[in-house]
Amino acid sequence: MDLKSVMADLEAAGTAENVKTYKQQGAGENVFGVSHTHLKKLKKKLGVDQDLALELWGTGNSDARSLAMMIADPEEVSPTVATQWMKDVDYALHGTEVAGVVALSPAGLSKMRQWRKQKSEFARATGYSMLACMLEDDAESVEDLECLRILKDVEMEIHRSPNRARHSMVMAVIAIGVYKPELSEEAIETGERIGDVQVDHGEMSCTTPKIAPYINKTLKRTSGRKARVRSC
């Protein structure tokens, strides 16, 4: 399928009810309202296609951008493309989706380091989401010493960081505690010092968990098995 046919498919699959919901969640005006189930079907049909992913993202359509991140090839994501995607993000869902792709790209580590230190809400949120993705994929991809520095940064900065970034920072601390068992105690203690973190998720059903209880519960539940930290 080419760009024209995919866009026609997306437009036909959208519903007015989903459009209303997605707009309430921050998707903007350029949205068809396509269900995640349909996007996953298209993903399976299209396979990995970086060129088409670039074209879909370039449309600015919210559903097309989500599909773009589903079929993008992390190995083919250049630093320039990664930066452009991040700059385009103005919707929390897209930030999480971009993070999942760029985290696995050759530029993942450098972009995570750059973006988590940015002042802008979505850049910082994307950077910290990338850290969680990287640790889930390969806990050794970020060294322990760097994770310890990140724990300190989060503790100092989280309560004065932008709204969406606070959620990503919480999930990053949790990811360190879960995916790096040798740092679990440090992550839990950091979470206890941070305390409750208030995040306004708007119309989305997300909640921001308490760090220490989440880490303890996850480690207990997944003892001896691969753990997974939900992003929302």
C-alpha atoms as a PDB file:
ATOM      1  CA  MET A   1       0.000   0.000   0.000  1.00  0.00           C
ATOM      2  CA  ASP A   2       1.206   3.504  -0.784  1.00  0.00           C
ATOM      3  CA  LEU A   3       0.600   6.639   1.242  1.00  0.00           C
ATOM      4  CA  LYS A   4      -2.604   7.554  -0.598  1.00  0.00           C
ATOM      5  CA  SER A   5      -4.210   4.160  -0.081  1.00  0.00           C
ATOM      6  CA  VAL A   6      -3.178   3.982   3.582  1.00  0.00           C
ATOM      7  CA  MET A   7      -4.603   7.428   4.286  1.00  0.00           C
ATOM      8  CA  ALA A   8      -7.846   6.449   2.553  1.00  0.00           C
ATOM      9  CA  ASP A   9      -8.011   3.322   4.694  1.00  0.00           C
ATOM     10  CA  LEU A  10      -7.429   5.323   7.870  1.00  0.00           C
ATOM     11  CA  GLU A  11     -10.071   7.898   7.002  1.00  0.00           C
ATOM     12  CA  ALA A  12     -12.624   5.175   6.258  1.00  0.00           C
ATOM     13  CA  ALA A  13     -11.856   3.377   9.529  1.00  0.00           C
ATOM     14  CA  GLY A  14     -12.279   6.411  11.753  1.00  0.00           C
ATOM     15  CA  THR A  15     -15.343   7.062  13.875  1.00  0.00           C
ATOM     16  CA  ALA A  16     -16.873  10.261  15.171  1.00  0.00           C
ATOM     17  CA  GLU A  17     -16.884   8.864  18.703  1.00  0.00           C
ATOM     18  CA  ASN A  18     -13.150   8.181  18.572  1.00  0.00           C
ATOM     19  CA  VAL A  19     -12.477  11.608  17.078  1.00  0.00           C
ATOM     20  CA  LYS A  20     -14.223  13.215  20.039  1.00  0.00           C
ATOM     21  CA  THR A  21     -12.306  11.061  22.530  1.00  0.00           C
ATOM     22  CA  TYR A  22      -8.918  11.576  20.912  1.00  0.00           C
ATOM     23  CA  LYS A  23      -9.413  15.329  20.709  1.00  0.00           C
ATOM     24  CA  GLN A  24     -10.262  15.415  24.399  1.00  0.00           C
ATOM     25  CA  GLN A  25      -6.992  13.591  25.035  1.00  0.00           C
ATOM     26  CA  GLY A  26      -4.991  16.157  23.079  1.00  0.00           C
ATOM     27  CA  ALA A  27      -4.775  14.711  19.572  1.00  0.00           C
ATOM     28  CA  GLY A  28      -5.587  18.009  17.865  1.00  0.00           C
ATOM     29  CA  GLU A  29      -7.869  18.676  14.918  1.00  0.00           C
ATOM     30  CA  ASN A  30      -6.158  16.529  12.281  1.00  0.00           C
ATOM     31  CA  VAL A  31      -7.482  13.143  13.379  1.00  0.00           C
ATOM     32  CA  PHE A  32      -9.702  10.459  11.842  1.00  0.00           C
ATOM     33  CA  GLY A  33     -10.449   8.565  15.034  1.00  0.00           C
ATOM     34  CA  VAL A  34      -9.026   5.159  14.105  1.00  0.00           C
ATOM     35  CA  SER A  35      -9.099   2.450  16.773  1.00  0.00           C
ATOM     36  CA  HIS A  36      -5.855   0.952  18.051  1.00  0.00           C
ATOM     37  CA  THR A  37      -7.154  -2.454  16.964  1.00  0.00           C
ATOM     38  CA  HIS A  38      -7.395  -1.303  13.352  1.00  0.00           C
ATOM     39  CA  LEU A  39      -3.957   0.310  13.509  1.00  0.00           C
ATOM     40  CA  LYS A  40      -2.499  -3.008  14.675  1.00  0.00           C
ATOM     41  CA  LYS A  41      -4.148  -4.788  11.742  1.00  0.00           C
ATOM     42  CA  LEU A  42      -2.589  -2.287   9.354  1.00  0.00           C
ATOM     43  CA  LYS A  43       0.768  -2.705  11.059  1.00  0.00           C
ATOM     44  CA  LYS A  44       0.633  -6.445  10.421  1.00  0.00           C
ATOM     45  CA  LYS A  45      -0.364  -5.862   6.805  1.00  0.00           C
ATOM     46  CA  LEU A  46       2.293  -3.231   6.084  1.00  0.00           C
ATOM     47  CA  GLY A  47       5.222  -4.665   8.001  1.00  0.00           C
ATOM     48  CA  VAL A  48       8.315  -2.577   8.656  1.00  0.00           C
ATOM     49  CA  ASP A  49       8.524   0.266   6.141  1.00  0.00           C
ATOM     50  CA  GLN A  50      10.640   3.246   7.124  1.00  0.00           C
ATOM     51  CA  ASP A  51       9.934   5.228   3.948  1.00  0.00           C
ATOM     52  CA  LEU A  52       6.197   4.920   4.413  1.00  0.00           C
ATOM     53  CA  ALA A  53       6.590   5.732   8.107  1.00  0.00           C
ATOM     54  CA  LEU A  54       8.270   9.010   7.188  1.00  0.00           C
ATOM     55  CA  GLU A  55       5.486   9.867   4.752  1.00  0.00           C
ATOM     56  CA  LEU A  56       2.770   9.024   7.268  1.00  0.00           C
ATOM     57  CA  TRP A  57       4.392  11.142   9.966  1.00  0.00           C
ATOM     58  CA  GLY A  58       4.726  14.009   7.529  1.00  0.00           C
ATOM     59  CA  THR A  59       0.956  14.192   6.992  1.00  0.00           C
ATOM     60  CA  GLY A  60       0.508  15.587  10.495  1.00  0.00           C
ATOM     61  CA  ASN A  61      -2.539  13.363  10.955  1.00  0.00           C
ATOM     62  CA  SER A  62      -2.678  11.905  14.465  1.00  0.00           C
ATOM     63  CA  ASP A  63      -3.723   8.387  13.425  1.00  0.00           C
ATOM     64  CA  ALA A  64      -1.162   8.320  10.623  1.00  0.00           C
ATOM     65  CA  ARG A  65       1.587   9.335  13.048  1.00  0.00           C
ATOM     66  CA  SER A  66       0.697   6.522  15.445  1.00  0.00           C
ATOM     67  CA  LEU A  67       0.782   4.051  12.557  1.00  0.00           C
ATOM     68  CA  ALA A  68       4.099   5.530  11.431  1.00  0.00           C
ATOM     69  CA  MET A  69       5.693   4.646  14.756  1.00  0.00           C
ATOM     70  CA  MET A  70       4.290   1.113  14.483  1.00  0.00           C
ATOM     71  CA  ILE A  71       5.988   0.420  11.148  1.00  0.00           C
ATOM     72  CA  ALA A  72       9.150   2.509  11.552  1.00  0.00           C
ATOM     73  CA  ASP A  73      12.521   0.766  11.501  1.00  0.00           C
ATOM     74  CA  PRO A  74      14.619   1.940  14.463  1.00  0.00           C
ATOM     75  CA  GLU A  75      17.818   0.934  12.697  1.00  0.00           C
ATOM     76  CA  GLU A  76      17.051   3.413   9.925  1.00  0.00           C
ATOM     77  CA  VAL A  77      16.162   6.354  12.178  1.00  0.00           C
ATOM     78  CA  SER A  78      18.850   9.007  11.771  1.00  0.00           C
ATOM     79  CA  PRO A  79      19.618  11.587  14.479  1.00  0.00           C
ATOM     80  CA  THR A  80      18.098  14.269  12.233  1.00  0.00           C
ATOM     81  CA  VAL A  81      14.852  12.366  11.785  1.00  0.00           C
ATOM     82  CA  ALA A  82      14.672  11.573  15.490  1.00  0.00           C
ATOM     83  CA  THR A  83      15.057  15.247  16.374  1.00  0.00           C
ATOM     84  CA  GLN A  84      12.385  16.296  13.901  1.00  0.00           C
ATOM     85  CA  TRP A  85       9.935  13.751  15.276  1.00  0.00           C
ATOM     86  CA  MET A  86      10.533  14.951  18.808  1.00  0.00           C
ATOM     87  CA  LYS A  87      10.049  18.595  17.783  1.00  0.00           C
ATOM     88  CA  ASP A  88       6.765  17.665  16.109  1.00  0.00           C
ATOM     89  CA  VAL A  89       5.348  15.985  19.214  1.00  0.00           C
ATOM     90  CA  ASP A  90       2.474  17.928  20.754  1.00  0.00           C
ATOM     91  CA  TYR A  91       0.407  14.969  21.965  1.00  0.00           C
ATOM     92  CA  ALA A  92       1.406  12.768  24.899  1.00  0.00           C
ATOM     93  CA  LEU A  93       0.630   9.507  23.076  1.00  0.00           C
ATOM     94  CA  HIS A  94       2.908  10.432  20.197  1.00  0.00           C
ATOM     95  CA  GLY A  95       5.715  11.248  22.608  1.00  0.00           C
ATOM     96  CA  THR A  96       5.498   7.755  24.068  1.00  0.00           C
ATOM     97  CA  GLU A  97       5.392   6.220  20.589  1.00  0.00           C
ATOM     98  CA  VAL A  98       8.369   8.229  19.340  1.00  0.00           C
ATOM     99  CA  ALA A  99      10.285   7.251  22.475  1.00  0.00           C
ATOM    100  CA  GLY A 100       9.710   3.571  21.777  1.00  0.00           C
ATOM    101  CA  VAL A 101      11.213   3.829  18.303  1.00  0.00           C
ATOM    102  CA  VAL A 102      14.084   6.246  18.903  1.00  0.00           C
ATOM    103  CA  ALA A 103      15.148   4.367  22.051  1.00  0.00           C
ATOM    104  CA  LEU A 104      16.084   1.402  19.870  1.00  0.00           C
ATOM    105  CA  SER A 105      17.824   3.474  17.199  1.00  0.00           C
ATOM    106  CA  PRO A 106      21.598   3.953  16.920  1.00  0.00           C
ATOM    107  CA  ALA A 107      21.131   7.453  18.328  1.00  0.00           C
ATOM    108  CA  GLY A 108      18.992   6.261  21.240  1.00  0.00           C
ATOM    109  CA  LEU A 109      21.436   6.798  24.078  1.00  0.00           C
ATOM    110  CA  SER A 110      22.567  10.249  22.945  1.00  0.00           C
ATOM    111  CA  LYS A 111      19.007  11.436  22.309  1.00  0.00           C
ATOM    112  CA  MET A 112      17.844  10.164  25.684  1.00  0.00           C
ATOM    113  CA  ARG A 113      20.627  12.125  27.355  1.00  0.00           C
ATOM    114  CA  GLN A 114      19.824  15.289  25.406  1.00  0.00           C
ATOM    115  CA  TRP A 115      16.060  15.257  25.624  1.00  0.00           C
ATOM    116  CA  ARG A 116      15.639  14.382  29.296  1.00  0.00           C
ATOM    117  CA  LYS A 117      17.485  17.600  30.150  1.00  0.00           C
ATOM    118  CA  GLN A 118      15.334  19.834  27.965  1.00  0.00           C
ATOM    119  CA  LYS A 119      12.971  22.315  29.588  1.00  0.00           C
ATOM    120  CA  SER A 120      10.104  21.750  27.161  1.00  0.00           C
ATOM    121  CA  GLU A 121       7.385  19.404  28.406  1.00  0.00           C
ATOM    122  CA  PHE A 122       7.271  16.923  25.560  1.00  0.00           C
ATOM    123  CA  ALA A 123      11.023  16.793  24.949  1.00  0.00           C
ATOM    124  CA  ARG A 124      11.741  15.984  28.589  1.00  0.00           C
ATOM    125  CA  ALA A 125       8.864  13.517  28.750  1.00  0.00           C
ATOM    126  CA  THR A 126      10.082  11.772  25.593  1.00  0.00           C
ATOM    127  CA  GLY A 127      13.639  11.548  26.902  1.00  0.00           C
ATOM    128  CA  TYR A 128      12.616   9.903  30.154  1.00  0.00           C
ATOM    129  CA  SER A 129      10.201   7.587  28.339  1.00  0.00           C
ATOM    130  CA  MET A 130      13.123   6.531  26.168  1.00  0.00           C
ATOM    131  CA  LEU A 131      15.111   5.551  29.252  1.00  0.00           C
ATOM    132  CA  ALA A 132      12.333   3.210  30.375  1.00  0.00           C
ATOM    133  CA  CYS A 133      12.143   1.688  26.889  1.00  0.00           C
ATOM    134  CA  MET A 134      15.902   1.178  26.711  1.00  0.00           C
ATOM    135  CA  LEU A 135      16.066  -0.528  30.092  1.00  0.00           C
ATOM    136  CA  GLU A 136      13.179  -2.824  29.225  1.00  0.00           C
ATOM    137  CA  ASP A 137      14.845  -3.843  25.966  1.00  0.00           C
ATOM    138  CA  ASP A 138      18.327  -4.245  27.455  1.00  0.00           C
ATOM    139  CA  ALA A 139      19.038  -3.358  31.068  1.00  0.00           C
ATOM    140  CA  GLU A 140      22.736  -3.085  30.288  1.00  0.00           C
ATOM    141  CA  SER A 141      22.204  -0.452  27.599  1.00  0.00           C
ATOM    142  CA  VAL A 142      22.467   2.250  30.268  1.00  0.00           C
ATOM    143  CA  GLU A 143      25.238   1.838  32.817  1.00  0.00           C
ATOM    144  CA  ASP A 144      24.505   1.691  36.539  1.00  0.00           C
ATOM    145  CA  LEU A 145      26.460   4.858  37.281  1.00  0.00           C
ATOM    146  CA  GLU A 146      24.443   6.810  34.757  1.00  0.00           C
ATOM    147  CA  CYS A 147      21.206   5.452  36.222  1.00  0.00           C
ATOM    148  CA  LEU A 148      22.310   6.578  39.680  1.00  0.00           C
ATOM    149  CA  ARG A 149      22.971  10.072  38.323  1.00  0.00           C
ATOM    150  CA  ILE A 150      19.532  10.055  36.721  1.00  0.00           C
ATOM    151  CA  LEU A 151      17.911   9.102  40.023  1.00  0.00           C
ATOM    152  CA  LYS A 152      19.543  12.145  41.617  1.00  0.00           C
ATOM    153  CA  ASP A 153      18.443  14.391  38.752  1.00  0.00           C
ATOM    154  CA  VAL A 154      14.854  13.198  38.991  1.00  0.00           C
ATOM    155  CA  GLU A 155      14.762  13.710  42.747  1.00  0.00           C
ATOM    156  CA  MET A 156      15.989  17.295  42.393  1.00  0.00           C
ATOM    157  CA  GLU A 157      13.923  18.269  39.361  1.00  0.00           C
ATOM    158  CA  ILE A 158      10.667  16.316  39.251  1.00  0.00           C
ATOM    159  CA  HIS A 159       8.440  18.601  41.281  1.00  0.00           C
ATOM    160  CA  ARG A 160       9.407  21.640  39.211  1.00  0.00           C
ATOM    161  CA  SER A 161       9.285  19.867  35.852  1.00  0.00           C
ATOM    162  CA  PRO A 162       6.443  20.284  33.317  1.00  0.00           C
ATOM    163  CA  ASN A 163       3.291  18.229  33.781  1.00  0.00           C
ATOM    164  CA  ARG A 164       3.741  15.350  31.303  1.00  0.00           C
ATOM    165  CA  ALA A 165       7.440  15.159  32.041  1.00  0.00           C
ATOM    166  CA  ARG A 166       6.684  14.384  35.693  1.00  0.00           C
ATOM    167  CA  HIS A 167       4.848  11.204  34.720  1.00  0.00           C
ATOM    168  CA  SER A 168       7.698  10.040  32.493  1.00  0.00           C
ATOM    169  CA  MET A 169      10.210  10.774  35.240  1.00  0.00           C
ATOM    170  CA  VAL A 170       8.223   8.659  37.701  1.00  0.00           C
ATOM    171  CA  MET A 171       8.107   5.786  35.231  1.00  0.00           C
ATOM    172  CA  ALA A 172      11.855   6.141  34.587  1.00  0.00           C
ATOM    173  CA  VAL A 173      12.654   5.736  38.291  1.00  0.00           C
ATOM    174  CA  ILE A 174      10.361   2.717  38.382  1.00  0.00           C
ATOM    175  CA  ALA A 175      12.071   1.254  35.317  1.00  0.00           C
ATOM    176  CA  ILE A 176      15.465   1.588  36.980  1.00  0.00           C
ATOM    177  CA  GLY A 177      14.151  -0.145  40.087  1.00  0.00           C
ATOM    178  CA  VAL A 178      12.547  -2.980  38.142  1.00  0.00           C
ATOM    179  CA  TYR A 179      14.993  -3.642  35.303  1.00  0.00           C
ATOM    180  CA  LYS A 180      18.146  -3.068  37.338  1.00  0.00           C
ATOM    181  CA  PRO A 181      17.645  -5.187  40.494  1.00  0.00           C
ATOM    182  CA  GLU A 182      21.036  -4.102  41.816  1.00  0.00           C
ATOM    183  CA  LEU A 183      19.664  -0.535  41.936  1.00  0.00           C
ATOM    184  CA  SER A 184      16.195  -1.392  43.254  1.00  0.00           C
ATOM    185  CA  GLU A 185      16.962  -0.202  46.768  1.00  0.00           C
ATOM    186  CA  GLU A 186      18.306   3.124  45.514  1.00  0.00           C
ATOM    187  CA  ALA A 187      15.271   3.614  43.258  1.00  0.00           C
ATOM    188  CA  ILE A 188      12.855   2.785  46.071  1.00  0.00           C
ATOM    189  CA  GLU A 189      14.589   5.185  48.453  1.00  0.00           C
ATOM    190  CA  THR A 190      14.516   7.876  45.773  1.00  0.00           C
ATOM    191  CA  GLY A 191      10.798   7.282  45.315  1.00  0.00           C
ATOM    192  CA  GLU A 192      10.169   7.553  49.041  1.00  0.00           C
ATOM    193  CA  ARG A 193      11.980  10.888  49.192  1.00  0.00           C
ATOM    194  CA  ILE A 194      10.119  12.177  46.134  1.00  0.00           C
ATOM    195  CA  GLY A 195       6.742  11.250  47.582  1.00  0.00           C
ATOM    196  CA  ASP A 196       3.498  11.751  45.682  1.00  0.00           C
ATOM    197  CA  VAL A 197       3.795  13.283  42.223  1.00  0.00           C
ATOM    198  CA  GLN A 198       0.797  15.186  40.904  1.00  0.00           C
ATOM    199  CA  VAL A 199       0.149  14.901  37.161  1.00  0.00           C
ATOM    200  CA  ASP A 200      -2.873  16.202  35.256  1.00  0.00           C
ATOM    201  CA  HIS A 201      -3.723  13.573  32.633  1.00  0.00           C
ATOM    202  CA  GLY A 202      -6.732  15.477  31.362  1.00  0.00           C
ATOM    203  CA  GLU A 203      -9.302  13.203  29.723  1.00  0.00           C
ATOM    204  CA  MET A 204      -6.922  10.262  29.518  1.00  0.00           C
ATOM    205  CA  SER A 205      -7.441   7.272  31.811  1.00  0.00           C
ATOM    206  CA  CYS A 206      -3.795   7.264  32.896  1.00  0.00           C
ATOM    207  CA  THR A 207      -2.720   7.507  36.507  1.00  0.00           C
ATOM    208  CA  THR A 208       0.733   8.221  37.876  1.00  0.00           C
ATOM    209  CA  PRO A 209       1.683   5.530  40.410  1.00  0.00           C
ATOM    210  CA  LYS A 210       3.604   5.884  43.638  1.00  0.00           C
ATOM    211  CA  ILE A 211       7.167   4.864  42.928  1.00  0.00           C
ATOM    212  CA  ALA A 212       8.210   2.675  45.868  1.00  0.00           C
ATOM    213  CA  PRO A 213       5.008   0.582  46.109  1.00  0.00           C
ATOM    214  CA  TYR A 214       4.999   0.047  42.338  1.00  0.00           C
ATOM    215  CA  ILE A 215       8.583  -1.222  42.295  1.00  0.00           C
ATOM    216  CA  ASN A 216       8.034  -3.515  45.280  1.00  0.00           C
ATOM    217  CA  LYS A 217       4.799  -4.921  43.863  1.00  0.00           C
ATOM    218  CA  THR A 218       6.287  -5.508  40.410  1.00  0.00           C
ATOM    219  CA  LEU A 219       9.408  -7.241  41.723  1.00  0.00           C
ATOM    220  CA  LYS A 220       7.343  -9.466  43.972  1.00  0.00           C
ATOM    221  CA  ARG A 221       4.883 -10.356  41.227  1.00  0.00           C
ATOM    222  CA  THR A 222       7.529 -11.087  38.602  1.00  0.00           C
ATOM    223  CA  SER A 223      10.125 -12.850  40.740  1.00  0.00           C
ATOM    224  CA  GLY A 224      12.215 -14.961  38.372  1.00  0.00           C
ATOM    225  CA  ARG A 225      10.335 -13.720  35.311  1.00  0.00           C
ATOM    226  CA  LYS A 226      10.709 -10.837  32.893  1.00  0.00           C
ATOM    227  CA  ALA A 227       9.067  -7.770  34.380  1.00  0.00           C
ATOM    228  CA  ARG A 228       7.270  -5.118  32.379  1.00  0.00           C
ATOM    229  CA  VAL A 229       6.581  -1.552  33.445  1.00  0.00           C
ATOM    230  CA  ARG A 230       3.452  -0.048  31.933  1.00  0.00           C
ATOM    231  CA  SER A 231       3.937   3.387  30.426  1.00  0.00           C
ATOM    232  CA  CYS A 232       0.553   4.678  31.546  1.00  0.00           C
END
